[in-house]
Protein backbone atom coordinates (compact mmCIF):
# COMPACT_ATOMS: atom_id res chain seq x y z
CA MET A 1 6.15 7.66 -32.07
CA ASN A 2 9.04 5.31 -31.89
CA PRO A 3 8.90 2.25 -29.78
CA THR A 4 10.85 1.86 -26.27
CA LEU A 5 13.38 -0.34 -25.26
CA GLN A 6 10.88 -1.30 -22.90
CA GLN A 7 8.07 -2.10 -25.51
CA LEU A 8 10.69 -3.92 -28.16
CA GLY A 9 11.81 -6.04 -24.72
CA ILE A 10 15.30 -4.92 -25.30
CA ASP A 11 15.49 -4.00 -21.65
CA ARG A 12 15.40 -7.77 -20.63
CA LEU A 13 18.24 -8.84 -22.87
CA SER A 14 21.77 -9.24 -21.15
CA ILE A 15 24.50 -6.70 -22.07
CA THR A 16 26.13 -9.18 -24.12
CA GLU A 17 23.00 -9.85 -26.14
CA ARG A 18 22.41 -5.98 -26.43
CA ILE A 19 25.88 -5.56 -27.78
CA GLU A 20 25.26 -8.45 -30.33
CA LEU A 21 22.32 -6.65 -31.03
CA ILE A 22 24.00 -3.66 -31.98
CA GLY A 23 26.48 -5.12 -34.14
CA LEU A 24 23.41 -6.85 -36.09
CA ILE A 25 21.42 -3.27 -36.46
CA TRP A 26 24.89 -1.75 -37.36
CA ASP A 27 25.21 -4.38 -40.28
CA SER A 28 21.38 -3.61 -41.57
CA ILE A 29 22.35 -0.06 -41.59
CA ALA A 30 25.67 -0.65 -43.50
CA ALA A 31 23.61 -2.82 -46.00
CA ASP A 32 21.36 -0.26 -46.68
CA THR A 33 24.09 2.37 -46.94
CA GLU A 34 25.67 0.61 -49.63
CA LYS A 35 22.84 1.41 -51.75
CA SER A 36 23.33 5.09 -51.16
CA PRO A 37 26.02 6.87 -52.85
CA LEU A 38 28.71 8.96 -50.61
CA THR A 39 28.88 12.73 -50.41
CA GLU A 40 32.08 14.36 -51.70
CA ALA A 41 32.80 15.36 -47.85
CA GLN A 42 32.27 11.39 -47.11
CA ARG A 43 34.40 9.96 -49.90
CA GLN A 44 37.37 12.67 -49.02
CA GLU A 45 37.10 11.20 -45.52
CA VAL A 46 37.07 7.79 -46.27
CA ASP A 47 40.03 8.28 -48.67
CA ARG A 48 42.15 10.29 -45.63
CA ARG A 49 41.27 7.39 -43.36
CA LEU A 50 42.41 4.81 -46.05
CA ALA A 51 45.67 6.94 -46.70
CA ALA A 52 46.30 6.93 -42.91
CA HIS A 53 45.72 3.38 -42.46
CA GLN A 54 47.87 1.98 -45.23
CA ALA A 55 50.49 4.61 -44.03
CA ASN A 56 50.70 2.96 -40.65
CA PRO A 57 48.77 -0.49 -41.01
CA GLN A 58 50.21 -1.46 -37.49
CA ALA A 59 47.81 0.96 -35.74
CA ALA A 60 45.06 -0.82 -36.49
CA ILE A 61 43.27 -2.98 -33.70
CA PRO A 62 41.56 -6.10 -35.04
CA TRP A 63 37.75 -6.00 -34.19
CA GLU A 64 37.71 -9.10 -31.90
CA GLN A 65 40.29 -7.44 -29.78
CA VAL A 66 38.13 -4.29 -29.35
CA GLU A 67 35.13 -6.56 -28.62
CA ALA A 68 36.62 -8.48 -26.22
CA GLU A 69 38.49 -5.85 -24.29
CA ALA A 70 35.02 -3.88 -24.29
CA LEU A 71 33.15 -7.04 -22.72
CA ALA A 72 35.77 -7.75 -20.15
CA ARG A 73 35.30 -4.12 -18.82
CA LEU A 74 31.36 -4.64 -18.78
CA ARG A 75 32.27 -7.95 -16.63
CA GLN A 76 34.40 -6.19 -14.16
């Protein structure tokens, strides 16, 4: 059985701390997945997204802006 948020004490963290924890968990997953090769479908999707970004780089929103806007909405 997987541990619960309460057992891990995550429910006692502030929203900001939980969001930061999500980032840390995401980074650890990304580090592990770098060791695994992509499937052909995943590779094609990465290529598609890269081409879309290169065609319109102005459409990208910096992570800092996304994070700041999300945190501001949570504080309202």
